[in-house]
Amino acid sequence: MRSAPAYYRTVCFRAMILSSNFPDNLRKIVCAVAASLCLFAATAARAQTQQEPDEQPVVVNTNLVILNVGVADRKGGAVTDLSRGDFNVYEDGVKQSILNFEPAASPFSLVLLLDMSGSTLNFRNSLQLSALRFIDALGPEDRVEVVSFNDKVETLQHFTTDRKKIAFAITDLAKGRGNTYLYKALDYSLRQLAKEGKRRKAIVVLTDGLDTEMSNLDRETASQAKTNEEAVAAVKPEASAALRSVLDAADRQGVTIYPLALPSADPKNLLPLTPQQAAIYTAARARMQGLADRTGGRLHEIRRLEDMGRLYAEVAADMRTLYSIAYQSSNARAHDGKWRAINIEVTRADTIARSRPGYYAR
């Protein structure tokens, strides 16, 4: 069967030929109809051409690895005046060629992720004021998206540099209560960051870390434990599929995650605990530590609510000291699922580099 565009092209061609046999008054009508058919054929052909890429998507595989790297001197002070030539990157002991380098002053796209579950109701005002302090400490070209989560994950303000819009989202739109779907919120945030192209990326998340779904699974896993030690040993925090999915997605984009852990879920503050509670709270804190360690961020534990603003400011200051480095992995086994260890050397004496330790080649 002929396609619609081809059919209409044939019809309009025949109509133009036959029109020569009609009287003048009919010839004008036939010509007008023929012209309309030709226009329709051209439009349909263009539409069919535009649809072809959707029918046969082009998939591009790449081994590009993106790192955010902090450098400090022996006293712990940030070193921010380095250049591409000051860095050597090794993957599994093999030196890699740096394809792209961005200095510490380059802007970020970041998601400010706010836990609006029931466990944060008692200190919402402190949370919001501290988040505002964080925004004030960012650079003028940093783009921020504000996302809240409880039973649902919701964008309150899409990526923007407009500080007034960001502040309004934090103070007036961030509301609610309910369960804590932290890892769904992290997954959502990573998908939002994927739309930001090649900019440097980060997630700053304020939460107690007690994801509702994971807590239920941890409780079931530790249900037969008789002591706290048995319960904690029964749960393997790093084995969580949701956690692995988030870490793999962060690896692919080079996203650094900064968790700010609220004191409400610190197991040291909740003694005595049942064995199941010990497993849940310990695993939740271990996963937050894993988020920071694997992505090159830092876990900030909020021991007192009055420290929240200062720790937010420390995160902003830390982000302004990070360099971004991208390299194409020379490993021939691109996606074998194995761990790739990353080591970064800085040629300047008496300096130490900090970044994520590696990635799984999935």
Protein backbone atom coordinates (compact mmCIF):
# COMPACT_ATOMS: atom_id res chain seq x y z
CA MET A 1 0.00 0.00 0.00
CA ARG A 2 1.24 3.49 -0.87
CA SER A 3 1.89 5.93 2.01
CA ALA A 4 -0.49 8.87 2.43
CA PRO A 5 2.04 11.49 1.22
CA ALA A 6 2.81 9.49 -1.92
CA TYR A 7 -0.89 8.97 -2.64
CA TYR A 8 -1.72 12.67 -2.38
CA ARG A 9 1.26 13.66 -4.51
CA THR A 10 -0.07 11.36 -7.26
CA VAL A 11 -3.60 12.75 -6.98
CA CYS A 12 -2.50 16.39 -7.11
CA PHE A 13 -0.27 15.71 -10.14
CA ARG A 14 -3.12 14.05 -12.06
CA ALA A 15 -5.51 16.84 -11.12
CA MET A 16 -3.14 19.46 -12.51
CA ILE A 17 -2.88 17.57 -15.82
CA LEU A 18 -6.63 16.97 -16.16
CA SER A 19 -7.41 20.61 -15.36
CA SER A 20 -6.28 21.59 -18.84
CA ASN A 21 -9.37 19.85 -20.26
CA PHE A 22 -11.83 21.89 -18.21
CA PRO A 23 -13.40 25.25 -19.05
CA ASP A 24 -11.79 28.33 -17.51
CA ASN A 25 -14.21 28.61 -14.60
CA LEU A 26 -13.78 24.98 -13.59
CA ARG A 27 -10.05 25.01 -14.26
CA LYS A 28 -9.54 27.57 -11.48
CA ILE A 29 -11.44 25.39 -9.01
CA VAL A 30 -9.55 22.23 -9.96
CA CYS A 31 -6.20 24.04 -9.76
CA ALA A 32 -7.05 25.34 -6.29
CA VAL A 33 -7.93 21.83 -5.12
CA ALA A 34 -4.72 20.49 -6.67
CA ALA A 35 -2.64 23.15 -4.90
CA SER A 36 -4.23 22.26 -1.56
CA LEU A 37 -3.48 18.58 -2.12
CA CYS A 38 0.14 19.39 -2.95
CA LEU A 39 0.47 21.48 0.22
CA PHE A 40 -1.00 18.65 2.29
CA ALA A 41 1.39 16.15 0.72
CA ALA A 42 4.40 18.31 1.54
CA THR A 43 3.25 18.79 5.14
CA ALA A 44 2.58 15.07 5.59
CA ALA A 45 5.97 14.20 4.17
CA ARG A 46 7.70 16.53 6.61
CA ALA A 47 5.73 15.09 9.51
CA GLN A 48 6.60 11.54 8.48
CA THR A 49 10.27 12.49 8.27
CA GLN A 50 10.18 14.09 11.72
CA GLN A 51 8.60 10.98 13.22
CA GLU A 52 11.23 8.58 11.94
CA PRO A 53 13.80 9.32 14.70
CA ASP A 54 11.18 8.44 17.35
CA GLU A 55 10.51 5.13 15.64
CA GLN A 56 14.23 4.30 15.43
CA PRO A 57 15.94 6.00 18.38
CA VAL A 58 19.68 6.48 18.22
CA VAL A 59 21.41 5.28 21.38
CA VAL A 60 24.86 6.74 22.13
CA ASN A 61 27.06 4.81 24.53
CA THR A 62 29.80 6.71 26.30
CA ASN A 63 32.37 5.95 28.97
CA LEU A 64 32.61 9.58 30.09
CA VAL A 65 33.34 9.86 33.81
CA ILE A 66 32.64 13.18 35.58
CA LEU A 67 34.25 14.06 38.90
CA ASN A 68 33.83 16.93 41.35
CA VAL A 69 37.16 17.28 43.15
CA GLY A 70 38.05 19.20 46.29
CA VAL A 71 41.68 20.02 47.11
CA ALA A 72 43.00 21.03 50.51
CA ASP A 73 46.41 21.91 51.93
CA ARG A 74 47.97 20.21 54.95
CA LYS A 75 46.06 22.49 57.31
CA GLY A 76 42.73 21.67 55.69
CA GLY A 77 42.38 24.97 53.83
CA ALA A 78 40.77 24.87 50.39
CA VAL A 79 43.08 25.28 47.39
CA THR A 80 41.15 26.96 44.56
CA ASP A 81 43.81 28.27 42.13
CA LEU A 82 44.77 25.04 40.34
CA SER A 83 44.58 24.36 36.59
CA ARG A 84 44.11 21.28 34.42
CA GLY A 85 47.83 20.53 34.36
CA ASP A 86 47.91 20.22 38.16
CA PHE A 87 45.78 17.04 38.11
CA ASN A 88 46.50 13.43 37.18
CA VAL A 89 43.58 10.97 37.13
CA TYR A 90 43.99 7.19 37.38
CA GLU A 91 41.36 4.49 36.90
CA ASP A 92 42.37 1.09 38.24
CA GLY A 93 45.95 2.36 38.24
CA VAL A 94 45.90 3.44 34.57
CA LYS A 95 46.40 7.15 33.83
CA GLN A 96 43.47 8.75 32.01
CA SER A 97 43.35 11.67 29.59
CA ILE A 98 41.41 14.64 30.96
CA LEU A 99 38.89 15.81 28.35
CA ASN A 100 37.28 18.67 30.23
CA PHE A 101 38.25 20.79 33.22
CA GLU A 102 36.26 23.44 35.05
CA PRO A 103 37.73 25.66 37.78
CA ALA A 104 36.25 25.95 41.25
CA ALA A 105 34.48 29.21 40.34
CA SER A 106 32.23 27.55 37.69
CA PRO A 107 28.50 27.62 38.57
CA PHE A 108 26.41 24.65 39.68
CA SER A 109 22.93 23.37 38.97
CA LEU A 110 21.64 21.95 42.22
CA VAL A 111 18.48 20.51 43.69
CA LEU A 112 17.56 21.69 47.17
CA LEU A 113 15.64 18.68 48.48
CA LEU A 114 13.44 19.33 51.54
CA ASP A 115 11.95 16.61 53.76
CA MET A 116 8.35 17.67 54.41
CA SER A 117 7.30 14.43 56.11
CA GLY A 118 5.68 14.29 59.53
CA SER A 119 9.02 13.87 61.30
CA THR A 120 10.07 17.45 60.42
CA LEU A 121 6.91 19.23 61.59
CA ASN A 122 8.39 20.40 64.89
CA PHE A 123 11.21 22.41 63.35
CA ARG A 124 9.89 23.64 60.01
CA ASN A 125 10.72 27.26 60.85
CA SER A 126 14.37 26.44 61.59
CA LEU A 127 14.53 24.33 58.44
CA GLN A 128 13.23 27.12 56.24
CA LEU A 129 15.44 29.83 57.73
CA SER A 130 18.51 27.61 57.36
CA ALA A 131 17.64 26.83 53.73
CA LEU A 132 17.38 30.57 53.04
CA ARG A 133 20.83 31.08 54.53
CA PHE A 134 22.14 28.37 52.21
CA ILE A 135 20.66 30.09 49.16
CA ASP A 136 22.26 33.39 50.18
CA ALA A 137 25.67 31.70 50.27
CA LEU A 138 25.47 30.39 46.68
CA GLY A 139 27.04 32.07 43.66
CA PRO A 140 24.91 34.38 41.49
CA GLU A 141 25.00 31.99 38.49
CA ASP A 142 24.12 28.85 40.46
CA ARG A 143 20.78 27.45 39.30
CA VAL A 144 18.51 25.98 41.98
CA GLU A 145 15.45 23.74 41.83
CA VAL A 146 13.46 23.34 45.05
CA VAL A 147 11.88 19.91 45.56
CA SER A 148 9.87 18.71 48.57
CA PHE A 149 8.97 15.17 49.47
CA ASN A 150 6.71 13.24 51.84
CA ASP A 151 4.03 10.90 50.43
CA LYS A 152 4.68 12.58 47.09
CA VAL A 153 7.64 14.23 45.40
CA GLU A 154 6.95 17.73 44.06
CA THR A 155 8.91 20.49 42.36
CA LEU A 156 8.13 23.75 44.13
CA GLN A 157 10.39 25.87 41.91
CA HIS A 158 12.07 24.81 38.68
CA PHE A 159 15.72 25.62 38.01
CA THR A 160 16.35 29.35 38.27
CA THR A 161 18.87 31.91 39.47
CA ASP A 162 16.06 34.15 40.79
CA ARG A 163 16.61 34.19 44.56
CA LYS A 164 13.17 35.66 45.28
CA LYS A 165 11.41 32.77 43.53
CA ILE A 166 13.59 30.26 45.35
CA ALA A 167 12.92 31.90 48.71
CA PHE A 168 9.16 31.94 48.05
CA ALA A 169 9.22 28.21 47.32
CA ILE A 170 11.06 27.52 50.59
CA THR A 171 8.97 29.74 52.88
CA ASP A 172 5.49 29.63 51.32
CA LEU A 173 5.22 26.43 49.26
CA ALA A 174 7.18 23.87 51.31
CA LYS A 175 4.43 22.29 53.42
CA GLY A 176 2.86 18.97 54.24
CA ARG A 177 3.28 15.85 56.33
CA GLY A 178 3.16 12.10 55.85
CA ASN A 179 5.64 9.38 54.96
CA THR A 180 9.25 9.78 53.86
CA TYR A 181 10.01 8.67 50.30
CA LEU A 182 13.62 9.81 50.27
CA TYR A 183 15.00 7.57 47.53
CA LYS A 184 12.12 8.26 45.16
CA ALA A 185 12.87 11.95 45.74
CA LEU A 186 16.58 11.43 44.99
CA ASP A 187 15.73 9.51 41.83
CA TYR A 188 13.38 12.32 40.76
CA SER A 189 16.02 14.96 41.50
CA LEU A 190 18.60 13.16 39.36
CA ARG A 191 16.15 13.04 36.45
CA GLN A 192 15.58 16.77 36.83
CA LEU A 193 19.34 17.42 36.86
CA ALA A 194 19.73 15.39 33.67
CA LYS A 195 17.88 18.19 31.87
CA GLU A 196 20.57 20.70 32.87
CA GLY A 197 23.07 19.55 30.25
CA LYS A 198 26.80 19.70 30.97
CA ARG A 199 26.65 22.01 34.00
CA ARG A 200 28.18 20.94 37.31
CA LYS A 201 25.54 19.25 39.46
CA ALA A 202 24.75 18.61 43.12
CA ILE A 203 21.90 17.60 45.44
CA VAL A 204 21.62 19.05 48.94
CA VAL A 205 19.09 17.06 50.96
CA LEU A 206 17.88 17.82 54.48
CA THR A 207 16.26 14.70 55.99
CA ASP A 208 16.24 12.23 58.86
CA GLY A 209 17.01 9.52 56.28
CA LEU A 210 14.22 7.20 57.44
CA ASP A 211 12.80 6.22 54.06
CA THR A 212 9.41 4.59 54.69
CA GLU A 213 9.78 1.71 52.22
CA MET A 214 13.33 0.87 53.30
CA SER A 215 12.42 1.05 56.99
CA ASN A 216 9.66 -1.51 56.42
CA LEU A 217 12.07 -3.83 54.61
CA ASP A 218 14.72 -3.42 57.32
CA ARG A 219 12.15 -4.17 60.02
CA GLU A 220 11.14 -7.37 58.25
CA THR A 221 14.77 -8.41 57.72
CA ALA A 222 15.59 -7.95 61.41
CA SER A 223 12.32 -9.37 62.73
CA GLN A 224 13.91 -12.53 64.17
CA ALA A 225 16.84 -10.78 65.87
CA LYS A 226 16.96 -11.00 69.67
CA THR A 227 19.60 -8.33 70.32
CA ASN A 228 20.51 -4.98 68.81
CA GLU A 229 23.79 -6.40 67.51
CA GLU A 230 22.02 -9.27 65.74
CA ALA A 231 19.50 -6.91 64.18
CA VAL A 232 22.12 -4.47 62.90
CA ALA A 233 24.18 -7.36 61.45
CA ALA A 234 21.13 -8.80 59.68
CA VAL A 235 20.52 -5.68 57.58
CA LYS A 236 22.94 -4.91 54.74
CA PRO A 237 22.36 -1.20 53.99
CA GLU A 238 24.53 -1.16 50.84
CA ALA A 239 22.51 -4.02 49.30
CA SER A 240 19.41 -1.85 48.79
CA ALA A 241 18.31 -1.79 45.14
CA ALA A 242 16.92 1.74 45.51
CA LEU A 243 20.22 3.00 46.92
CA ARG A 244 22.24 1.31 44.14
CA SER A 245 19.96 2.83 41.51
CA VAL A 246 20.46 6.34 42.90
CA LEU A 247 24.24 5.90 43.13
CA ASP A 248 24.49 4.57 39.57
CA ALA A 249 22.46 7.50 38.23
CA ALA A 250 24.61 9.96 40.20
CA ASP A 251 27.76 8.30 38.81
CA ARG A 252 26.60 8.73 35.23
CA GLN A 253 26.05 12.48 35.66
CA GLY A 254 28.82 13.21 38.13
CA VAL A 255 26.35 14.48 40.74
CA THR A 256 27.68 15.20 44.23
CA ILE A 257 25.20 14.55 47.06
CA TYR A 258 25.33 16.40 50.38
CA PRO A 259 23.02 14.89 53.01
CA LEU A 260 22.24 16.98 56.10
CA ALA A 261 21.08 14.47 58.69
CA LEU A 262 18.47 15.67 61.17
CA PRO A 263 18.98 14.66 64.82
CA SER A 264 15.56 12.98 65.01
CA ALA A 265 16.97 9.79 63.45
CA ASP A 266 20.37 9.63 65.11
CA PRO A 267 20.42 6.23 66.89
CA LYS A 268 22.74 7.65 69.57
CA ASN A 269 19.96 10.05 70.62
CA LEU A 270 17.23 7.42 70.82
CA LEU A 271 18.47 4.93 73.43
CA PRO A 272 17.15 2.52 74.46
CA LEU A 273 16.12 0.95 71.15
CA THR A 274 14.43 -2.32 70.31
CA PRO A 275 16.48 -4.60 68.04
CA GLN A 276 14.32 -3.71 65.04
CA GLN A 277 14.61 0.01 65.75
CA ALA A 278 18.37 -0.33 66.06
CA ALA A 279 18.52 -1.98 62.65
CA ILE A 280 16.31 0.63 60.99
CA TYR A 281 18.06 3.71 62.39
CA THR A 282 21.58 2.37 61.93
CA ALA A 283 20.92 1.30 58.33
CA ALA A 284 19.32 4.66 57.48
CA ARG A 285 22.35 6.58 58.74
CA ALA A 286 24.75 4.18 56.96
CA ARG A 287 22.94 4.74 53.65
CA MET A 288 23.19 8.51 54.03
CA GLN A 289 26.91 8.13 54.68
CA GLY A 290 27.14 5.97 51.57
CA LEU A 291 25.39 8.62 49.47
CA ALA A 292 28.00 11.17 50.49
CA ASP A 293 31.04 8.89 50.25
CA ARG A 294 30.22 7.41 46.85
CA THR A 295 29.47 10.76 45.21
CA GLY A 296 32.29 12.81 46.73
CA GLY A 297 30.04 14.78 49.07
CA ARG A 298 29.98 15.01 52.84
CA LEU A 299 27.45 13.90 55.43
CA HIS A 300 26.72 16.73 57.86
CA GLU A 301 25.12 15.55 61.09
CA ILE A 302 22.93 18.19 62.71
CA ARG A 303 23.34 17.62 66.44
CA ARG A 304 21.48 20.78 67.47
CA LEU A 305 18.86 22.65 65.47
CA GLU A 306 20.73 25.92 65.94
CA ASP A 307 23.64 24.37 63.97
CA MET A 308 21.49 23.81 60.89
CA GLY A 309 22.13 27.21 59.29
CA ARG A 310 25.89 26.98 59.84
CA LEU A 311 26.08 23.51 58.28
CA TYR A 312 24.05 24.64 55.26
CA ALA A 313 26.55 27.49 54.82
CA GLU A 314 29.44 25.02 55.07
CA VAL A 315 27.94 22.99 52.23
CA ALA A 316 27.68 26.09 50.05
CA ALA A 317 31.28 27.00 50.86
CA ASP A 318 32.46 23.46 50.08
CA MET A 319 30.75 23.52 46.68
CA ARG A 320 32.62 26.69 45.76
CA THR A 321 35.95 24.88 46.25
CA LEU A 322 35.25 21.98 43.88
CA TYR A 323 36.90 21.52 40.49
CA SER A 324 35.16 19.45 37.82
CA ILE A 325 37.11 16.95 35.73
CA ALA A 326 35.82 14.69 32.95
CA TYR A 327 37.67 11.85 31.29
CA GLN A 328 36.87 9.06 28.84
CA SER A 329 37.59 5.71 30.48
CA SER A 330 40.24 3.75 28.58
CA ASN A 331 38.91 0.45 29.94
CA ALA A 332 37.91 -1.73 26.99
CA ARG A 333 35.28 -3.57 29.05
CA ALA A 334 32.95 -0.59 29.15
CA HIS A 335 29.88 -2.00 30.94
CA ASP A 336 30.91 -5.20 32.71
CA GLY A 337 29.38 -4.11 36.02
CA LYS A 338 32.67 -4.22 37.90
CA TRP A 339 34.07 -1.63 40.27
CA ARG A 340 36.46 0.97 38.82
CA ALA A 341 38.72 2.57 41.43
CA ILE A 342 39.57 6.25 40.85
CA ASN A 343 42.64 7.96 42.25
CA ILE A 344 43.43 11.65 41.77
CA GLU A 345 46.89 13.10 42.22
CA VAL A 346 47.68 16.80 42.49
CA THR A 347 51.14 17.87 41.33
CA ARG A 348 51.37 20.77 43.80
CA ALA A 349 53.21 19.73 46.94
CA ASP A 350 51.45 19.38 50.29
CA THR A 351 47.94 19.11 48.84
CA ILE A 352 45.32 16.38 49.14
CA ALA A 353 42.50 15.72 46.63
CA ARG A 354 39.04 14.50 47.64
CA SER A 355 36.48 13.02 45.24
CA ARG A 356 34.39 9.91 44.84
CA PRO A 357 36.41 6.70 45.15
CA GLY A 358 35.14 5.09 41.96
CA TYR A 359 32.07 3.73 40.20
CA TYR A 360 30.46 0.54 38.99
CA ALA A 361 30.67 0.22 35.19
CA ARG A 362 26.99 -0.50 34.60
